[in-house]
All heavy atoms as atom14 arrays in JSON, in Angstrom:
{
  "sequence": "LVSGRIDILVGTHALLSDTTMFHRLGLVVVDEQHRFGV",
  "atom14_mask": [
    [1, 1, 1, 1, 1, 1, 1, 1, 0, 0, 0, 0, 0, 0],
    [1, 1, 1, 1, 1, 1, 1, 0, 0, 0, 0, 0, 0, 0],
    [1, 1, 1, 1, 1, 1, 0, 0, 0, 0, 0, 0, 0, 0],
    [1, 1, 1, 1, 0, 0, 0, 0, 0, 0, 0, 0, 0, 0],
    [1, 1, 1, 1, 1, 1, 1, 1, 1, 1, 1, 0, 0, 0],
    [1, 1, 1, 1, 1, 1, 1, 1, 0, 0, 0, 0, 0, 0],
    [1, 1, 1, 1, 1, 1, 1, 1, 0, 0, 0, 0, 0, 0],
    [1, 1, 1, 1, 1, 1, 1, 1, 0, 0, 0, 0, 0, 0],
    [1, 1, 1, 1, 1, 1, 1, 1, 0, 0, 0, 0, 0, 0],
    [1, 1, 1, 1, 1, 1, 1, 0, 0, 0, 0, 0, 0, 0],
    [1, 1, 1, 1, 0, 0, 0, 0, 0, 0, 0, 0, 0, 0],
    [1, 1, 1, 1, 1, 1, 1, 0, 0, 0, 0, 0, 0, 0],
    [1, 1, 1, 1, 1, 1, 1, 1, 1, 1, 0, 0, 0, 0],
    [1, 1, 1, 1, 1, 0, 0, 0, 0, 0, 0, 0, 0, 0],
    [1, 1, 1, 1, 1, 1, 1, 1, 0, 0, 0, 0, 0, 0],
    [1, 1, 1, 1, 1, 1, 1, 1, 0, 0, 0, 0, 0, 0],
    [1, 1, 1, 1, 1, 1, 0, 0, 0, 0, 0, 0, 0, 0],
    [1, 1, 1, 1, 1, 1, 1, 1, 0, 0, 0, 0, 0, 0],
    [1, 1, 1, 1, 1, 1, 1, 0, 0, 0, 0, 0, 0, 0],
    [1, 1, 1, 1, 1, 1, 1, 0, 0, 0, 0, 0, 0, 0],
    [1, 1, 1, 1, 1, 1, 1, 1, 0, 0, 0, 0, 0, 0],
    [1, 1, 1, 1, 1, 1, 1, 1, 1, 1, 1, 0, 0, 0],
    [1, 1, 1, 1, 1, 1, 1, 1, 1, 1, 0, 0, 0, 0],
    [1, 1, 1, 1, 1, 1, 1, 1, 1, 1, 1, 0, 0, 0],
    [1, 1, 1, 1, 1, 1, 1, 1, 0, 0, 0, 0, 0, 0],
    [1, 1, 1, 1, 0, 0, 0, 0, 0, 0, 0, 0, 0, 0],
    [1, 1, 1, 1, 1, 1, 1, 1, 0, 0, 0, 0, 0, 0],
    [1, 1, 1, 1, 1, 1, 1, 0, 0, 0, 0, 0, 0, 0],
    [1, 1, 1, 1, 1, 1, 1, 0, 0, 0, 0, 0, 0, 0],
    [1, 1, 1, 1, 1, 1, 1, 0, 0, 0, 0, 0, 0, 0],
    [1, 1, 1, 1, 1, 1, 1, 1, 0, 0, 0, 0, 0, 0],
    [1, 1, 1, 1, 1, 1, 1, 1, 1, 0, 0, 0, 0, 0],
    [1, 1, 1, 1, 1, 1, 1, 1, 1, 0, 0, 0, 0, 0],
    [1, 1, 1, 1, 1, 1, 1, 1, 1, 1, 0, 0, 0, 0],
    [1, 1, 1, 1, 1, 1, 1, 1, 1, 1, 1, 0, 0, 0],
    [1, 1, 1, 1, 1, 1, 1, 1, 1, 1, 1, 0, 0, 0],
    [1, 1, 1, 1, 0, 0, 0, 0, 0, 0, 0, 0, 0, 0],
    [1, 1, 1, 1, 1, 1, 1, 0, 0, 0, 0, 0, 0, 0]
  ],
  "atom14_positions": [
    [[0.83, -1.2, 0.0], [0.0, 0.0, 0.0], [0.86, 1.26, 0.0], [0.66, 2.18, -0.8], [-0.94, -0.01, 1.21], [-1.91, 1.16, 1.33], [-2.95, 1.09, 0.21], [-2.61, 1.14, 2.7], [0.0, 0.0, 0.0], [0.0, 0.0, 0.0], [0.0, 0.0, 0.0], [0.0, 0.0, 0.0], [0.0, 0.0, 0.0], [0.0, 0.0, 0.0]],
    [[1.84, 1.32, 0.91], [2.65, 2.52, 1.04], [3.6, 2.7, -0.14], [4.02, 3.81, -0.46], [3.43, 2.5, 2.38], [4.6, 1.52, 2.33], [3.9, 3.9, 2.76], [0.0, 0.0, 0.0], [0.0, 0.0, 0.0], [0.0, 0.0, 0.0], [0.0, 0.0, 0.0], [0.0, 0.0, 0.0], [0.0, 0.0, 0.0], [0.0, 0.0, 0.0]],
    [[3.91, 1.59, -0.85], [4.78, 1.68, -2.01], [4.0, 1.98, -3.29], [4.6, 2.16, -4.35], [5.57, 0.38, -2.19], [4.7, -0.7, -2.47], [0.0, 0.0, 0.0], [0.0, 0.0, 0.0], [0.0, 0.0, 0.0], [0.0, 0.0, 0.0], [0.0, 0.0, 0.0], [0.0, 0.0, 0.0], [0.0, 0.0, 0.0], [0.0, 0.0, 0.0]],
    [[2.68, 1.99, -3.2], [1.85, 2.32, -4.34], [1.47, 1.15, -5.21], [0.89, 1.33, -6.29], [0.0, 0.0, 0.0], [0.0, 0.0, 0.0], [0.0, 0.0, 0.0], [0.0, 0.0, 0.0], [0.0, 0.0, 0.0], [0.0, 0.0, 0.0], [0.0, 0.0, 0.0], [0.0, 0.0, 0.0], [0.0, 0.0, 0.0], [0.0, 0.0, 0.0]],
    [[1.71, -0.09, -4.78], [1.38, -1.26, -5.58], [-0.11, -1.61, -5.5], [-0.59, -2.43, -6.29], [2.22, -2.47, -5.14], [3.69, -2.35, -5.49], [4.41, -3.68, -5.34], [3.85, -4.67, -6.26], [3.25, -5.79, -5.87], [3.09, -6.06, -4.59], [2.78, -6.65, -6.78], [0.0, 0.0, 0.0], [0.0, 0.0, 0.0], [0.0, 0.0, 0.0]],
    [[-0.83, -1.05, -4.53], [-2.27, -1.28, -4.41], [-2.99, -0.03, -4.89], [-2.69, 1.09, -4.46], [-2.66, -1.61, -2.95], [-2.07, -2.96, -2.55], [-4.17, -1.61, -2.77], [-2.27, -3.32, -1.1], [0.0, 0.0, 0.0], [0.0, 0.0, 0.0], [0.0, 0.0, 0.0], [0.0, 0.0, 0.0], [0.0, 0.0, 0.0], [0.0, 0.0, 0.0]],
    [[-3.95, -0.24, -5.79], [-4.72, 0.89, -6.34], [-5.96, 1.19, -5.51], [-6.28, 2.35, -5.25], [-5.15, 0.56, -7.77], [-3.97, 0.39, -8.71], [-3.1, 1.27, -8.71], [-3.93, -0.62, -9.42], [0.0, 0.0, 0.0], [0.0, 0.0, 0.0], [0.0, 0.0, 0.0], [0.0, 0.0, 0.0], [0.0, 0.0, 0.0], [0.0, 0.0, 0.0]],
    [[-6.7, 0.14, -5.14], [-7.94, 0.31, -4.38], [-7.86, -0.57, -3.15], [-7.64, -1.78, -3.25], [-9.18, -0.08, -5.22], [-9.31, 0.83, -6.44], [-10.45, -0.01, -4.37], [-10.44, 0.42, -7.39], [0.0, 0.0, 0.0], [0.0, 0.0, 0.0], [0.0, 0.0, 0.0], [0.0, 0.0, 0.0], [0.0, 0.0, 0.0], [0.0, 0.0, 0.0]],
    [[-8.04, 0.03, -1.99], [-8.03, -0.72, -0.73], [-9.42, -0.68, -0.13], [-9.98, 0.4, 0.09], [-7.02, -0.12, 0.26], [-6.92, -0.84, 1.61], [-6.43, -2.27, 1.42], [-5.99, -0.08, 2.57], [0.0, 0.0, 0.0], [0.0, 0.0, 0.0], [0.0, 0.0, 0.0], [0.0, 0.0, 0.0], [0.0, 0.0, 0.0], [0.0, 0.0, 0.0]],
    [[-9.98, -1.85, 0.12], [-11.29, -1.98, 0.75], [-11.06, -2.47, 2.17], [-10.24, -3.36, 2.41], [-12.18, -2.99, 0.0], [-13.56, -3.07, 0.63], [-12.28, -2.62, -1.48], [0.0, 0.0, 0.0], [0.0, 0.0, 0.0], [0.0, 0.0, 0.0], [0.0, 0.0, 0.0], [0.0, 0.0, 0.0], [0.0, 0.0, 0.0], [0.0, 0.0, 0.0]],
    [[-11.78, -1.89, 3.14], [-11.57, -2.36, 4.5], [-12.55, -1.78, 5.49], [-13.46, -1.02, 5.15], [0.0, 0.0, 0.0], [0.0, 0.0, 0.0], [0.0, 0.0, 0.0], [0.0, 0.0, 0.0], [0.0, 0.0, 0.0], [0.0, 0.0, 0.0], [0.0, 0.0, 0.0], [0.0, 0.0, 0.0], [0.0, 0.0, 0.0], [0.0, 0.0, 0.0]],
    [[-12.34, -2.18, 6.74], [-13.15, -1.7, 7.86], [-12.37, -0.62, 8.59], [-11.54, 0.08, 7.99], [-13.47, -2.87, 8.8], [-12.24, -3.47, 9.24], [-14.31, -3.93, 8.09], [0.0, 0.0, 0.0], [0.0, 0.0, 0.0], [0.0, 0.0, 0.0], [0.0, 0.0, 0.0], [0.0, 0.0, 0.0], [0.0, 0.0, 0.0], [0.0, 0.0, 0.0]],
    [[-12.57, -0.51, 9.9], [-11.89, 0.51, 10.68], [-10.37, 0.32, 10.69], [-9.65, 1.23, 11.09], [-12.41, 0.5, 12.12], [-13.84, 0.91, 12.23], [-14.87, 0.09, 11.84], [-14.41, 2.06, 12.66], [-16.01, 0.71, 12.04], [-15.77, 1.9, 12.54], [0.0, 0.0, 0.0], [0.0, 0.0, 0.0], [0.0, 0.0, 0.0], [0.0, 0.0, 0.0]],
    [[-9.9, -0.85, 10.24], [-8.46, -1.07, 10.15], [-7.81, -0.04, 9.23], [-6.62, 0.27, 9.37], [-8.17, -2.49, 9.66], [0.0, 0.0, 0.0], [0.0, 0.0, 0.0], [0.0, 0.0, 0.0], [0.0, 0.0, 0.0], [0.0, 0.0, 0.0], [0.0, 0.0, 0.0], [0.0, 0.0, 0.0], [0.0, 0.0, 0.0], [0.0, 0.0, 0.0]],
    [[-8.56, 0.51, 8.28], [-8.03, 1.53, 7.39], [-7.66, 2.8, 8.14], [-6.87, 3.62, 7.66], [-9.05, 1.88, 6.29], [-8.98, 1.08, 4.99], [-9.34, -0.38, 5.25], [-9.92, 1.67, 3.94], [0.0, 0.0, 0.0], [0.0, 0.0, 0.0], [0.0, 0.0, 0.0], [0.0, 0.0, 0.0], [0.0, 0.0, 0.0], [0.0, 0.0, 0.0]],
    [[-8.26, 2.99, 9.31], [-8.04, 4.22, 10.08], [-6.81, 4.14, 10.97], [-6.41, 5.13, 11.57], [-9.27, 4.5, 10.96], [-10.61, 4.6, 10.23], [-11.74, 4.73, 11.23], [-10.62, 5.76, 9.26], [0.0, 0.0, 0.0], [0.0, 0.0, 0.0], [0.0, 0.0, 0.0], [0.0, 0.0, 0.0], [0.0, 0.0, 0.0], [0.0, 0.0, 0.0]],
    [[-6.21, 2.95, 11.08], [-5.06, 2.76, 11.96], [-3.89, 3.64, 11.53], [-3.69, 3.91, 10.34], [-4.63, 1.29, 11.94], [-3.38, 1.12, 12.57], [0.0, 0.0, 0.0], [0.0, 0.0, 0.0], [0.0, 0.0, 0.0], [0.0, 0.0, 0.0], [0.0, 0.0, 0.0], [0.0, 0.0, 0.0], [0.0, 0.0, 0.0], [0.0, 0.0, 0.0]],
    [[-3.1, 4.07, 12.52], [-1.92, 4.89, 12.21], [-0.92, 4.13, 11.36], [-0.09, 4.74, 10.66], [-1.25, 5.34, 13.52], [-2.1, 6.34, 14.29], [-2.98, 6.97, 13.66], [-1.89, 6.47, 15.51], [0.0, 0.0, 0.0], [0.0, 0.0, 0.0], [0.0, 0.0, 0.0], [0.0, 0.0, 0.0], [0.0, 0.0, 0.0], [0.0, 0.0, 0.0]],
    [[-0.96, 2.79, 11.41], [0.0, 2.0, 10.64], [-0.43, 1.82, 9.18], [0.33, 1.31, 8.37], [0.18, 0.61, 11.27], [-1.08, -0.08, 11.28], [0.7, 0.72, 12.69], [0.0, 0.0, 0.0], [0.0, 0.0, 0.0], [0.0, 0.0, 0.0], [0.0, 0.0, 0.0], [0.0, 0.0, 0.0], [0.0, 0.0, 0.0], [0.0, 0.0, 0.0]],
    [[-1.66, 2.22, 8.87], [-2.14, 2.11, 7.48], [-1.81, 3.41, 6.76], [-2.47, 4.43, 6.94], [-3.66, 1.85, 7.45], [-3.96, 0.7, 8.23], [-4.13, 1.64, 6.03], [0.0, 0.0, 0.0], [0.0, 0.0, 0.0], [0.0, 0.0, 0.0], [0.0, 0.0, 0.0], [0.0, 0.0, 0.0], [0.0, 0.0, 0.0], [0.0, 0.0, 0.0]],
    [[-0.75, 3.36, 5.92], [-0.28, 4.56, 5.23], [-0.35, 4.34, 3.72], [0.03, 3.28, 3.22], [1.14, 4.9, 5.66], [1.24, 5.33, 7.12], [2.92, 5.75, 7.64], [3.69, 4.13, 7.66], [0.0, 0.0, 0.0], [0.0, 0.0, 0.0], [0.0, 0.0, 0.0], [0.0, 0.0, 0.0], [0.0, 0.0, 0.0], [0.0, 0.0, 0.0]],
    [[-0.8, 5.35, 3.02], [-0.97, 5.28, 1.58], [0.2, 5.96, 0.87], [0.88, 6.83, 1.44], [-2.28, 5.95, 1.16], [-3.52, 5.22, 1.6], [-3.99, 5.34, 2.9], [-4.22, 4.42, 0.71], [-5.14, 4.68, 3.31], [-5.37, 3.75, 1.11], [-5.82, 3.88, 2.41], [0.0, 0.0, 0.0], [0.0, 0.0, 0.0], [0.0, 0.0, 0.0]],
    [[0.39, 5.58, -0.38], [1.4, 6.23, -1.21], [0.86, 7.57, -1.73], [1.55, 8.59, -1.65], [1.76, 5.31, -2.39], [2.71, 5.93, -3.37], [4.02, 6.21, -3.05], [2.54, 6.35, -4.67], [4.63, 6.76, -4.09], [3.74, 6.86, -5.08], [0.0, 0.0, 0.0], [0.0, 0.0, 0.0], [0.0, 0.0, 0.0], [0.0, 0.0, 0.0]],
    [[-0.36, 7.56, -2.25], [-0.97, 8.8, -2.77], [-2.48, 8.62, -2.77], [-3.08, 8.26, -3.77], [-0.47, 9.09, -4.18], [-0.9, 10.47, -4.75], [-0.14, 10.76, -6.03], [-0.47, 12.09, -6.55], [-1.25, 12.31, -7.61], [-1.79, 11.29, -8.26], [-1.47, 13.53, -8.03], [0.0, 0.0, 0.0], [0.0, 0.0, 0.0], [0.0, 0.0, 0.0]],
    [[-3.09, 8.85, -1.62], [-4.53, 8.65, -1.48], [-5.27, 9.83, -2.1], [-5.11, 10.97, -1.67], [-4.92, 8.5, -0.01], [-6.4, 8.28, 0.28], [-6.9, 7.0, -0.37], [-6.65, 8.24, 1.8], [0.0, 0.0, 0.0], [0.0, 0.0, 0.0], [0.0, 0.0, 0.0], [0.0, 0.0, 0.0], [0.0, 0.0, 0.0], [0.0, 0.0, 0.0]],
    [[-6.1, 9.55, -3.09], [-6.8, 10.63, -3.77], [-8.3, 10.65, -3.55], [-8.94, 11.7, -3.66], [0.0, 0.0, 0.0], [0.0, 0.0, 0.0], [0.0, 0.0, 0.0], [0.0, 0.0, 0.0], [0.0, 0.0, 0.0], [0.0, 0.0, 0.0], [0.0, 0.0, 0.0], [0.0, 0.0, 0.0], [0.0, 0.0, 0.0], [0.0, 0.0, 0.0]],
    [[-8.89, 9.47, -3.23], [-10.35, 9.39, -3.09], [-10.7, 8.44, -1.95], [-10.17, 7.34, -1.87], [-10.99, 8.89, -4.39], [-12.49, 8.56, -4.35], [-13.32, 9.8, -4.04], [-12.94, 7.92, -5.66], [0.0, 0.0, 0.0], [0.0, 0.0, 0.0], [0.0, 0.0, 0.0], [0.0, 0.0, 0.0], [0.0, 0.0, 0.0], [0.0, 0.0, 0.0]],
    [[-11.6, 8.89, -1.11], [-12.14, 8.07, -0.02], [-13.63, 7.86, -0.29], [-14.37, 8.84, -0.44], [-11.94, 8.72, 1.36], [-12.61, 7.89, 2.45], [-10.47, 8.9, 1.66], [0.0, 0.0, 0.0], [0.0, 0.0, 0.0], [0.0, 0.0, 0.0], [0.0, 0.0, 0.0], [0.0, 0.0, 0.0], [0.0, 0.0, 0.0], [0.0, 0.0, 0.0]],
    [[-14.04, 6.61, -0.33], [-15.46, 6.28, -0.45], [-15.88, 5.66, 0.87], [-15.29, 4.67, 1.31], [-15.72, 5.28, -1.6], [-17.21, 4.93, -1.67], [-15.25, 5.86, -2.92], [0.0, 0.0, 0.0], [0.0, 0.0, 0.0], [0.0, 0.0, 0.0], [0.0, 0.0, 0.0], [0.0, 0.0, 0.0], [0.0, 0.0, 0.0], [0.0, 0.0, 0.0]],
    [[-16.87, 6.25, 1.52], [-17.35, 5.75, 2.8], [-18.75, 5.19, 2.6], [-19.67, 5.92, 2.23], [-17.38, 6.86, 3.88], [-17.83, 6.29, 5.21], [-16.01, 7.5, 4.02], [0.0, 0.0, 0.0], [0.0, 0.0, 0.0], [0.0, 0.0, 0.0], [0.0, 0.0, 0.0], [0.0, 0.0, 0.0], [0.0, 0.0, 0.0], [0.0, 0.0, 0.0]],
    [[-18.9, 3.88, 2.82], [-20.21, 3.25, 2.65], [-20.97, 3.27, 3.96], [-20.37, 3.15, 5.04], [-20.05, 1.8, 2.18], [-21.38, 1.21, 1.74], [-22.23, 1.97, 1.26], [-21.57, 0.0, 1.89], [0.0, 0.0, 0.0], [0.0, 0.0, 0.0], [0.0, 0.0, 0.0], [0.0, 0.0, 0.0], [0.0, 0.0, 0.0], [0.0, 0.0, 0.0]],
    [[-22.3, 3.4, 3.87], [-23.14, 3.53, 5.06], [-22.56, 4.63, 5.96], [-22.22, 4.4, 7.12], [-23.24, 2.2, 5.81], [-24.07, 1.17, 5.06], [-25.47, 1.72, 4.72], [-26.23, 2.0, 5.64], [-25.78, 1.86, 3.53], [0.0, 0.0, 0.0], [0.0, 0.0, 0.0], [0.0, 0.0, 0.0], [0.0, 0.0, 0.0], [0.0, 0.0, 0.0]],
    [[-22.45, 5.84, 5.4], [-21.72, 6.92, 6.05], [-22.25, 7.25, 7.44], [-21.51, 7.69, 8.3], [-21.74, 8.16, 5.16], [-22.85, 9.14, 5.4], [-22.51, 10.15, 6.45], [-21.35, 10.47, 6.65], [-23.5, 10.63, 7.15], [0.0, 0.0, 0.0], [0.0, 0.0, 0.0], [0.0, 0.0, 0.0], [0.0, 0.0, 0.0], [0.0, 0.0, 0.0]],
    [[-23.55, 7.0, 7.68], [-24.11, 7.37, 8.97], [-23.6, 6.49, 10.09], [-23.87, 6.73, 11.25], [-25.64, 7.31, 8.91], [-26.17, 5.99, 8.45], [-26.19, 5.62, 7.14], [-26.7, 4.95, 9.14], [-26.72, 4.42, 7.02], [-27.03, 3.99, 8.22], [0.0, 0.0, 0.0], [0.0, 0.0, 0.0], [0.0, 0.0, 0.0], [0.0, 0.0, 0.0]],
    [[-22.83, 5.44, 9.76], [-22.29, 4.58, 10.8], [-20.9, 5.03, 11.25], [-20.24, 4.35, 12.02], [-22.23, 3.13, 10.32], [-23.6, 2.53, 10.04], [-23.48, 1.16, 9.46], [-24.8, 0.65, 9.06], [-25.4, -0.39, 9.63], [-24.84, -1.02, 10.62], [-26.58, -0.79, 9.2], [0.0, 0.0, 0.0], [0.0, 0.0, 0.0], [0.0, 0.0, 0.0]],
    [[-20.42, 6.14, 10.74], [-19.1, 6.62, 11.09], [-19.19, 8.02, 11.66], [-19.91, 8.86, 11.15], [-18.17, 6.61, 9.88], [-17.91, 5.23, 9.34], [-18.66, 4.71, 8.32], [-16.92, 4.45, 9.91], [-18.43, 3.44, 7.84], [-16.69, 3.17, 9.44], [-17.44, 2.66, 8.41], [0.0, 0.0, 0.0], [0.0, 0.0, 0.0], [0.0, 0.0, 0.0]],
    [[-18.4, 8.27, 12.71], [-18.37, 9.59, 13.3], [-17.46, 10.52, 12.51], [-16.72, 10.12, 11.62], [0.0, 0.0, 0.0], [0.0, 0.0, 0.0], [0.0, 0.0, 0.0], [0.0, 0.0, 0.0], [0.0, 0.0, 0.0], [0.0, 0.0, 0.0], [0.0, 0.0, 0.0], [0.0, 0.0, 0.0], [0.0, 0.0, 0.0], [0.0, 0.0, 0.0]],
    [[-17.53, 11.81, 12.87], [-16.74, 12.82, 12.18], [-15.26, 12.51, 12.27], [-14.52, 12.6, 11.29], [-17.05, 14.21, 12.78], [-16.1, 15.26, 12.22], [-18.49, 14.59, 12.52], [0.0, 0.0, 0.0], [0.0, 0.0, 0.0], [0.0, 0.0, 0.0], [0.0, 0.0, 0.0], [0.0, 0.0, 0.0], [0.0, 0.0, 0.0], [0.0, 0.0, 0.0]]
  ]
}
């Protein structure tokens, strides 16, 4: 992910972890948005 070899990452709250770092994150899609806080 951090080296840019992954284009689309699908996941749960694990995506929010400090250890989850992207190479160049351009778009975030949040499904069922009302289930997530600000």
